[in-house]
């Protein structure tokens, strides 16, 4: 049910962007101010900016989920096990950096369209740094889960805390991969 709500919300945002484009086309056709090639480019940019905003919002939400999971794994490992899982610390760092920068970039883009943070010369390098952080987190977590939980979570019988750490690590791993791919 919730998935349908999310999809319909995304569909309604895209539909609204297309309505705005159609409205601009009608105004431009009547006033003959802009050429049709300019219209199609502006509509594509409108749809692209909506898709960009949705993708950045998803990354922010996934980073928030990752932050909570990594904090739980770190707390479990420090409290009930010897030492801690370093990939959880890396996940916390990547999530905090993402949560601090992505919403700020999106807000600045909405307040000042065409500003520095929405220019490709700033956004592409910064998003590449974030992608590298998420790839490192996902890779490190994959290696650690394979080494620390052989046979994955199904074969853990010795400790309930270890089982919870394995399950939360698997979910953390999924969110890290999703953030890298988005």
Protein backbone atom coordinates (compact mmCIF):
# COMPACT_ATOMS: atom_id res chain seq x y z
CA UNK A 1 0.00 0.00 0.00
CA UNK A 2 2.75 2.46 0.93
CA UNK A 3 4.64 1.67 -2.27
CA UNK A 4 1.57 2.69 -4.27
CA UNK A 5 1.43 5.98 -2.39
CA UNK A 6 5.10 6.68 -3.11
CA UNK A 7 4.72 5.79 -6.77
CA UNK A 8 1.60 7.90 -7.12
CA UNK A 9 3.37 10.81 -5.43
CA UNK A 10 6.29 10.55 -7.86
CA UNK A 11 3.87 10.17 -10.78
CA UNK A 12 1.89 13.21 -9.67
CA UNK A 13 5.06 15.30 -9.40
CA UNK A 14 6.12 14.26 -12.91
CA UNK A 15 2.59 14.80 -14.22
CA UNK A 16 2.57 18.30 -12.71
CA UNK A 17 5.92 19.07 -14.36
CA UNK A 18 4.53 17.93 -17.71
CA UNK A 19 1.41 20.07 -17.19
CA UNK A 20 3.61 23.09 -16.56
CA UNK A 21 5.51 22.30 -19.76
CA UNK A 22 2.25 22.01 -21.71
CA UNK A 23 1.07 25.31 -20.26
CA UNK A 24 4.35 26.97 -21.29
CA UNK A 25 3.96 25.49 -24.77
CA UNK A 26 0.48 26.97 -25.13
CA UNK A 27 1.67 30.39 -23.94
CA UNK A 28 4.69 30.26 -26.24
CA UNK A 29 2.59 29.16 -29.23
CA UNK A 30 0.18 32.04 -28.73
CA UNK A 31 2.77 34.74 -28.14
CA UNK A 32 5.40 33.43 -30.60
CA UNK A 33 8.13 34.50 -28.20
CA UNK A 34 10.13 31.30 -27.98
CA UNK A 35 10.96 28.73 -30.61
CA UNK A 36 9.72 25.16 -30.23
CA UNK A 37 13.26 23.83 -29.72
CA UNK A 38 13.63 26.06 -26.67
CA UNK A 39 10.31 24.75 -25.34
CA UNK A 40 11.29 21.11 -25.65
CA UNK A 41 14.64 21.76 -23.99
CA UNK A 42 13.01 23.62 -21.08
CA UNK A 43 10.46 20.83 -20.59
CA UNK A 44 13.17 18.20 -20.58
CA UNK A 45 15.07 20.29 -18.05
CA UNK A 46 11.93 20.59 -15.90
CA UNK A 47 11.38 16.83 -15.90
CA UNK A 48 15.11 16.22 -15.35
CA UNK A 49 15.16 18.59 -12.39
CA UNK A 50 12.18 16.78 -10.84
CA UNK A 51 13.87 13.41 -11.35
CA UNK A 52 17.09 14.85 -9.88
CA UNK A 53 15.23 16.15 -6.84
CA UNK A 54 13.53 12.78 -6.31
CA UNK A 55 16.87 10.94 -6.61
CA UNK A 56 18.62 13.29 -4.18
CA UNK A 57 15.71 12.96 -1.75
CA UNK A 58 15.92 9.17 -1.94
CA UNK A 59 19.65 9.28 -1.26
CA UNK A 60 19.01 11.48 1.78
CA UNK A 61 16.34 9.14 3.14
CA UNK A 62 18.52 6.08 2.54
CA UNK A 63 21.43 7.84 4.25
CA UNK A 64 19.22 8.50 7.26
CA UNK A 65 18.26 4.80 7.37
CA UNK A 66 21.92 3.84 7.05
CA UNK A 67 22.87 6.18 9.88
CA UNK A 68 20.40 4.51 12.23
CA UNK A 69 21.44 1.00 11.23
CA UNK A 70 25.15 1.76 11.48
CA UNK A 71 24.68 3.32 14.91
CA UNK A 72 22.80 0.22 16.06
CA UNK A 73 25.49 -2.13 14.69
CA UNK A 74 28.23 -0.04 16.27
CA UNK A 75 26.43 0.01 19.61
CA UNK A 76 25.84 -3.76 19.53
CA UNK A 77 29.43 -4.52 18.62
CA UNK A 78 30.88 -2.22 21.29
CA UNK A 79 28.52 -3.45 24.01
CA UNK A 80 28.30 -7.19 23.44
CA UNK A 81 31.30 -8.11 21.30
CA UNK A 82 34.99 -7.45 21.46
CA UNK A 83 35.78 -4.28 19.53
CA UNK A 84 33.58 -2.80 16.86
CA UNK A 85 32.88 -3.17 13.17
CA UNK A 86 34.86 -0.49 11.32
CA UNK A 87 32.48 -0.52 8.35
CA UNK A 88 29.76 0.78 10.69
CA UNK A 89 31.94 3.78 11.52
CA UNK A 90 32.56 4.40 7.81
CA UNK A 91 28.82 4.11 7.16
CA UNK A 92 28.12 6.68 9.87
CA UNK A 93 30.66 9.07 8.34
CA UNK A 94 29.25 8.64 4.82
CA UNK A 95 25.68 9.05 6.06
CA UNK A 96 26.43 12.19 8.08
CA UNK A 97 28.27 13.82 5.19
CA UNK A 98 25.42 12.92 2.83
CA UNK A 99 22.71 14.13 5.22
CA UNK A 100 24.51 17.43 5.74
CA UNK A 101 25.28 18.19 2.09
CA UNK A 102 22.53 16.77 -0.16
CA UNK A 103 19.57 18.57 1.48
CA UNK A 104 21.63 21.76 1.64
CA UNK A 105 22.42 21.51 -2.08
CA UNK A 106 18.75 20.85 -2.90
CA UNK A 107 17.56 23.74 -0.73
CA UNK A 108 20.08 26.15 -2.23
CA UNK A 109 19.02 25.04 -5.71
CA UNK A 110 15.38 25.78 -4.88
CA UNK A 111 16.22 29.15 -3.29
CA UNK A 112 18.80 30.26 -5.88
CA UNK A 113 18.28 28.37 -9.15
CA UNK A 114 21.46 28.28 -11.19
CA UNK A 115 23.64 28.94 -8.15
CA UNK A 116 27.03 27.36 -7.55
CA UNK A 117 25.69 24.19 -5.94
CA UNK A 118 23.39 23.45 -8.87
CA UNK A 119 26.08 23.89 -11.51
CA UNK A 120 27.54 20.76 -13.02
CA UNK A 121 31.12 21.84 -12.26
CA UNK A 122 30.32 21.70 -8.53
CA UNK A 123 27.69 19.00 -8.36
CA UNK A 124 29.41 16.30 -10.42
CA UNK A 125 32.67 16.25 -8.41
CA UNK A 126 30.85 16.38 -5.07
CA UNK A 127 28.40 13.63 -5.99
CA UNK A 128 31.38 11.59 -7.24
CA UNK A 129 33.02 11.96 -3.82
CA UNK A 130 29.80 10.82 -2.15
CA UNK A 131 29.51 7.91 -4.58
CA UNK A 132 33.08 6.88 -3.74
CA UNK A 133 32.26 7.03 -0.02
CA UNK A 134 29.18 4.87 -0.50
CA UNK A 135 31.06 2.42 -2.70
CA UNK A 136 33.81 2.14 -0.07
CA UNK A 137 31.17 1.60 2.62
CA UNK A 138 29.38 -1.07 0.58
CA UNK A 139 32.63 -2.83 -0.34
CA UNK A 140 34.00 -2.77 3.19
CA UNK A 141 30.69 -3.95 4.64
CA UNK A 142 30.46 -6.77 2.09
CA UNK A 143 33.95 -7.97 2.95
CA UNK A 144 33.28 -7.76 6.69
CA UNK A 145 29.91 -9.53 6.49
CA UNK A 146 31.41 -12.37 4.46
CA UNK A 147 34.32 -12.75 6.90
CA UNK A 148 32.49 -12.15 10.20
CA UNK A 149 29.29 -14.01 9.40
CA UNK A 150 30.22 -17.09 7.36
CA UNK A 151 27.14 -18.78 5.96
CA UNK A 152 25.39 -15.46 6.41
CA UNK A 153 22.71 -14.97 9.09
CA UNK A 154 21.00 -18.36 8.74
CA UNK A 155 23.78 -20.26 10.48
CA UNK A 156 24.23 -18.02 13.53
CA UNK A 157 23.04 -19.90 16.60
CA UNK A 158 25.48 -18.82 19.32
CA UNK A 159 24.20 -15.32 20.19
CA UNK A 160 21.04 -13.33 19.62
CA UNK A 161 23.08 -10.12 19.56
CA UNK A 162 25.33 -11.51 16.86
CA UNK A 163 22.28 -12.52 14.82
CA UNK A 164 20.82 -9.00 15.15
CA UNK A 165 24.18 -7.49 14.15
CA UNK A 166 24.27 -9.76 11.09
CA UNK A 167 20.74 -8.85 10.03
CA UNK A 168 21.28 -5.13 10.54
CA UNK A 169 24.59 -5.34 8.68
CA UNK A 170 22.85 -6.97 5.73
CA UNK A 171 20.27 -4.18 5.60
CA UNK A 172 23.01 -1.56 5.99
CA UNK A 173 24.83 -3.21 3.11
CA UNK A 174 21.73 -2.95 0.91
CA UNK A 175 21.25 0.75 1.66
CA UNK A 176 24.94 1.46 0.99
CA UNK A 177 24.68 -0.22 -2.42
CA UNK A 178 21.46 1.65 -3.20
CA UNK A 179 23.03 5.00 -2.34
CA UNK A 180 25.99 4.20 -4.55
CA UNK A 181 23.79 3.20 -7.49
CA UNK A 182 21.47 6.20 -7.19
